[in-house]
């Protein structure tokens, strides 16, 4: 392998490593519901089992009324700057 091809290979590896380090890390916590998921639930018609099957289990249930379910979620992105 010639020296110029070694330098080219090393520079490509260095560039790709630099770009990979700048890629943001995304984390999703809780339940992030989309509009189309909420449209699938029909109030007064769907049972608790139907709701759980369609959009998943709730993040929490109200302490004094077990008919009130809360769905909470958060999406975060962390970027590293070199």
N, C-alpha and C. Protein backbone atom coordinates (compact mmCIF):
# COMPACT_ATOMS: atom_id res chain seq x y z
N UNK A 1 0.84 -1.17 0.00
CA UNK A 1 0.00 0.00 0.00
C UNK A 1 0.90 1.24 0.00
N UNK A 2 0.62 2.16 -0.87
CA UNK A 2 1.43 3.37 -0.96
C UNK A 2 1.11 4.30 0.20
N UNK A 3 2.01 5.19 0.47
CA UNK A 3 1.84 6.14 1.57
C UNK A 3 0.63 7.03 1.32
N UNK A 4 0.39 7.47 0.09
CA UNK A 4 -0.74 8.36 -0.20
C UNK A 4 -2.08 7.64 0.03
N UNK A 5 -2.15 6.36 -0.27
CA UNK A 5 -3.40 5.64 -0.03
C UNK A 5 -3.62 5.43 1.46
N UNK A 6 -2.53 5.26 2.24
CA UNK A 6 -2.65 5.13 3.68
C UNK A 6 -3.15 6.44 4.29
N UNK A 7 -2.62 7.53 3.80
CA UNK A 7 -3.05 8.85 4.30
C UNK A 7 -4.52 9.08 3.95
N UNK A 8 -4.90 8.72 2.74
CA UNK A 8 -6.30 8.88 2.33
C UNK A 8 -7.22 8.02 3.20
N UNK A 9 -6.84 6.79 3.46
CA UNK A 9 -7.63 5.90 4.31
C UNK A 9 -7.76 6.45 5.71
N UNK A 10 -6.65 6.90 6.29
CA UNK A 10 -6.68 7.46 7.64
C UNK A 10 -7.51 8.74 7.72
N UNK A 11 -7.42 9.56 6.70
CA UNK A 11 -8.21 10.81 6.70
C UNK A 11 -9.70 10.50 6.57
N UNK A 12 -10.05 9.49 5.79
CA UNK A 12 -11.47 9.09 5.68
C UNK A 12 -11.98 8.56 7.02
N UNK A 13 -11.19 7.74 7.68
CA UNK A 13 -11.59 7.20 8.98
C UNK A 13 -11.73 8.33 10.00
N UNK A 14 -10.81 9.27 9.99
CA UNK A 14 -10.88 10.40 10.93
C UNK A 14 -12.12 11.26 10.66
N UNK A 15 -12.43 11.50 9.40
CA UNK A 15 -13.60 12.31 9.04
C UNK A 15 -14.88 11.61 9.48
N UNK A 16 -14.99 10.32 9.21
CA UNK A 16 -16.19 9.58 9.60
C UNK A 16 -16.34 9.52 11.12
N UNK A 17 -15.24 9.38 11.82
CA UNK A 17 -15.29 9.37 13.29
C UNK A 17 -15.75 10.72 13.82
N UNK A 18 -15.28 11.79 13.22
CA UNK A 18 -15.67 13.13 13.64
C UNK A 18 -17.16 13.35 13.40
N UNK A 19 -17.66 12.92 12.25
CA UNK A 19 -19.08 13.09 11.95
C UNK A 19 -19.95 12.23 12.86
N UNK A 20 -19.51 11.05 13.18
CA UNK A 20 -20.28 10.19 14.08
C UNK A 20 -20.33 10.77 15.49
N UNK A 21 -19.29 11.44 15.91
CA UNK A 21 -19.27 12.05 17.25
C UNK A 21 -20.23 13.22 17.35
N UNK A 22 -20.58 13.85 16.23
CA UNK A 22 -21.47 15.00 16.24
C UNK A 22 -22.94 14.61 16.11
N UNK A 23 -23.22 13.34 15.92
CA UNK A 23 -24.60 12.88 15.78
C UNK A 23 -25.31 12.99 17.13
N UNK A 24 -26.51 13.63 17.16
CA UNK A 24 -27.20 13.78 18.44
C UNK A 24 -27.72 12.43 18.95
N UNK A 25 -27.75 12.29 20.26
CA UNK A 25 -28.28 11.11 20.91
C UNK A 25 -29.70 11.45 21.36
N UNK A 26 -30.69 10.72 20.83
CA UNK A 26 -32.09 10.99 21.14
C UNK A 26 -32.60 9.97 22.15
N UNK A 27 -33.33 10.46 23.14
CA UNK A 27 -33.91 9.59 24.16
C UNK A 27 -35.40 9.92 24.30
N UNK A 28 -36.22 8.89 24.35
CA UNK A 28 -37.66 9.06 24.54
C UNK A 28 -38.03 8.40 25.86
N UNK A 29 -38.70 9.17 26.71
CA UNK A 29 -39.12 8.66 28.02
C UNK A 29 -40.63 8.81 28.13
N UNK A 30 -41.26 7.83 28.72
CA UNK A 30 -42.70 7.88 28.91
C UNK A 30 -43.44 7.48 27.66
N UNK A 31 -44.65 7.99 27.52
CA UNK A 31 -45.50 7.66 26.37
C UNK A 31 -45.71 8.90 25.51
N UNK A 32 -45.10 8.92 24.35
CA UNK A 32 -45.34 9.99 23.40
C UNK A 32 -46.39 9.51 22.41
N UNK A 33 -47.57 10.08 22.49
CA UNK A 33 -48.66 9.64 21.63
C UNK A 33 -48.77 10.56 20.42
N UNK A 34 -49.06 9.97 19.30
CA UNK A 34 -49.28 10.72 18.07
C UNK A 34 -50.78 10.97 17.92
N UNK A 35 -51.13 11.95 17.09
CA UNK A 35 -52.54 12.29 16.88
C UNK A 35 -53.33 11.11 16.33
N UNK A 36 -52.72 10.35 15.43
CA UNK A 36 -53.46 9.22 14.84
C UNK A 36 -53.78 8.16 15.90
N UNK A 37 -52.94 8.02 16.92
CA UNK A 37 -53.22 7.06 17.99
C UNK A 37 -54.41 7.52 18.83
N UNK A 38 -54.47 8.81 19.12
CA UNK A 38 -55.58 9.33 19.92
C UNK A 38 -56.91 9.23 19.18
N UNK A 39 -56.87 9.35 17.86
CA UNK A 39 -58.10 9.25 17.07
C UNK A 39 -58.68 7.84 17.07
N UNK A 40 -57.86 6.85 17.38
CA UNK A 40 -58.34 5.46 17.42
C UNK A 40 -59.21 5.18 18.64
N UNK A 41 -59.05 5.97 19.70
CA UNK A 41 -59.81 5.75 20.93
C UNK A 41 -61.14 6.49 20.83
N UNK A 42 -62.23 5.75 21.09
CA UNK A 42 -63.58 6.33 21.03
C UNK A 42 -64.09 6.45 22.46
N UNK A 43 -64.20 7.70 22.98
CA UNK A 43 -64.68 7.88 24.36
C UNK A 43 -66.10 7.35 24.54
N UNK A 44 -66.31 6.65 25.65
CA UNK A 44 -67.63 6.10 25.95
C UNK A 44 -67.89 4.76 25.28
N UNK A 45 -67.11 4.38 24.31
CA UNK A 45 -67.29 3.12 23.59
C UNK A 45 -66.20 2.12 23.97
N UNK A 46 -64.94 2.56 23.89
CA UNK A 46 -63.81 1.68 24.16
C UNK A 46 -63.68 1.39 25.65
N UNK A 47 -63.37 0.14 25.97
CA UNK A 47 -63.14 -0.26 27.36
C UNK A 47 -61.69 0.04 27.73
N UNK A 48 -61.35 -0.18 28.99
CA UNK A 48 -59.96 0.03 29.43
C UNK A 48 -59.01 -0.87 28.66
N UNK A 49 -59.42 -2.10 28.43
CA UNK A 49 -58.59 -3.03 27.69
C UNK A 49 -58.38 -2.55 26.25
N UNK A 50 -59.43 -1.99 25.65
CA UNK A 50 -59.32 -1.46 24.28
C UNK A 50 -58.32 -0.31 24.22
N UNK A 51 -58.42 0.59 25.20
CA UNK A 51 -57.51 1.75 25.23
C UNK A 51 -56.07 1.28 25.43
N UNK A 52 -55.87 0.35 26.34
CA UNK A 52 -54.53 -0.16 26.59
C UNK A 52 -53.97 -0.84 25.35
N UNK A 53 -54.80 -1.58 24.64
CA UNK A 53 -54.36 -2.25 23.42
C UNK A 53 -54.03 -1.25 22.32
N UNK A 54 -54.81 -0.17 22.21
CA UNK A 54 -54.63 0.80 21.13
C UNK A 54 -53.47 1.76 21.37
N UNK A 55 -53.33 2.27 22.60
CA UNK A 55 -52.29 3.29 22.83
C UNK A 55 -51.32 2.94 23.95
N UNK A 56 -51.47 1.78 24.58
CA UNK A 56 -50.54 1.37 25.62
C UNK A 56 -51.05 1.73 27.00
N UNK A 57 -50.30 1.29 27.98
CA UNK A 57 -50.69 1.56 29.37
C UNK A 57 -50.34 3.00 29.73
N UNK A 58 -51.11 3.58 30.65
CA UNK A 58 -50.87 4.98 31.02
C UNK A 58 -49.58 5.15 31.81
N UNK A 59 -49.05 6.37 31.78
CA UNK A 59 -47.88 6.68 32.58
C UNK A 59 -48.24 6.65 34.06
N UNK A 60 -49.40 7.20 34.39
CA UNK A 60 -49.88 7.19 35.78
C UNK A 60 -51.40 7.27 35.77
N UNK A 61 -52.00 6.89 36.88
CA UNK A 61 -53.45 6.95 37.07
C UNK A 61 -53.72 7.91 38.21
N UNK A 62 -54.77 8.72 38.08
CA UNK A 62 -55.11 9.69 39.12
C UNK A 62 -55.32 8.97 40.45
N UNK A 63 -54.79 9.51 41.55
CA UNK A 63 -54.86 8.82 42.84
C UNK A 63 -56.26 8.69 43.42
N UNK A 64 -57.17 9.61 43.09
CA UNK A 64 -58.50 9.58 43.69
C UNK A 64 -59.59 9.18 42.70
N UNK A 65 -59.22 8.94 41.44
CA UNK A 65 -60.21 8.53 40.44
C UNK A 65 -59.51 7.61 39.44
N UNK A 66 -59.74 6.32 39.56
CA UNK A 66 -59.03 5.37 38.70
C UNK A 66 -59.52 5.40 37.25
N UNK A 67 -60.52 6.24 36.96
CA UNK A 67 -60.98 6.39 35.58
C UNK A 67 -60.19 7.46 34.82
N UNK A 68 -59.31 8.19 35.52
CA UNK A 68 -58.50 9.23 34.90
C UNK A 68 -57.09 8.69 34.70
N UNK A 69 -56.70 8.59 33.43
CA UNK A 69 -55.38 8.10 33.06
C UNK A 69 -54.57 9.24 32.46
N UNK A 70 -53.29 9.29 32.79
CA UNK A 70 -52.40 10.30 32.25
C UNK A 70 -51.33 9.63 31.37
N UNK A 71 -51.15 10.19 30.20
CA UNK A 71 -50.10 9.74 29.29
C UNK A 71 -49.12 10.90 29.14
N UNK A 72 -47.91 10.73 29.64
CA UNK A 72 -46.90 11.78 29.58
C UNK A 72 -45.64 11.23 28.94
N UNK A 73 -45.00 12.07 28.16
CA UNK A 73 -43.76 11.65 27.54
C UNK A 73 -42.87 12.84 27.23
N UNK A 74 -41.61 12.53 26.98
CA UNK A 74 -40.63 13.57 26.69
C UNK A 74 -39.60 13.02 25.73
N UNK A 75 -39.25 13.84 24.76
CA UNK A 75 -38.19 13.47 23.82
C UNK A 75 -37.07 14.49 23.96
N UNK A 76 -35.87 14.00 24.19
CA UNK A 76 -34.73 14.89 24.35
C UNK A 76 -33.63 14.49 23.37
N UNK A 77 -32.84 15.46 22.99
CA UNK A 77 -31.69 15.21 22.11
C UNK A 77 -30.47 15.89 22.72
N UNK A 78 -29.41 15.14 22.82
CA UNK A 78 -28.17 15.66 23.39
C UNK A 78 -27.09 15.64 22.30
N UNK A 79 -26.46 16.78 22.10
CA UNK A 79 -25.41 16.89 21.10
C UNK A 79 -24.08 17.12 21.80
N UNK A 80 -23.07 16.47 21.31
CA UNK A 80 -21.73 16.69 21.83
C UNK A 80 -21.00 17.61 20.88
N UNK A 81 -20.40 18.62 21.42
CA UNK A 81 -19.62 19.55 20.61
C UNK A 81 -18.15 19.34 20.96
N UNK A 82 -17.40 19.05 19.96
CA UNK A 82 -15.97 18.80 20.19
C UNK A 82 -15.17 20.06 20.10
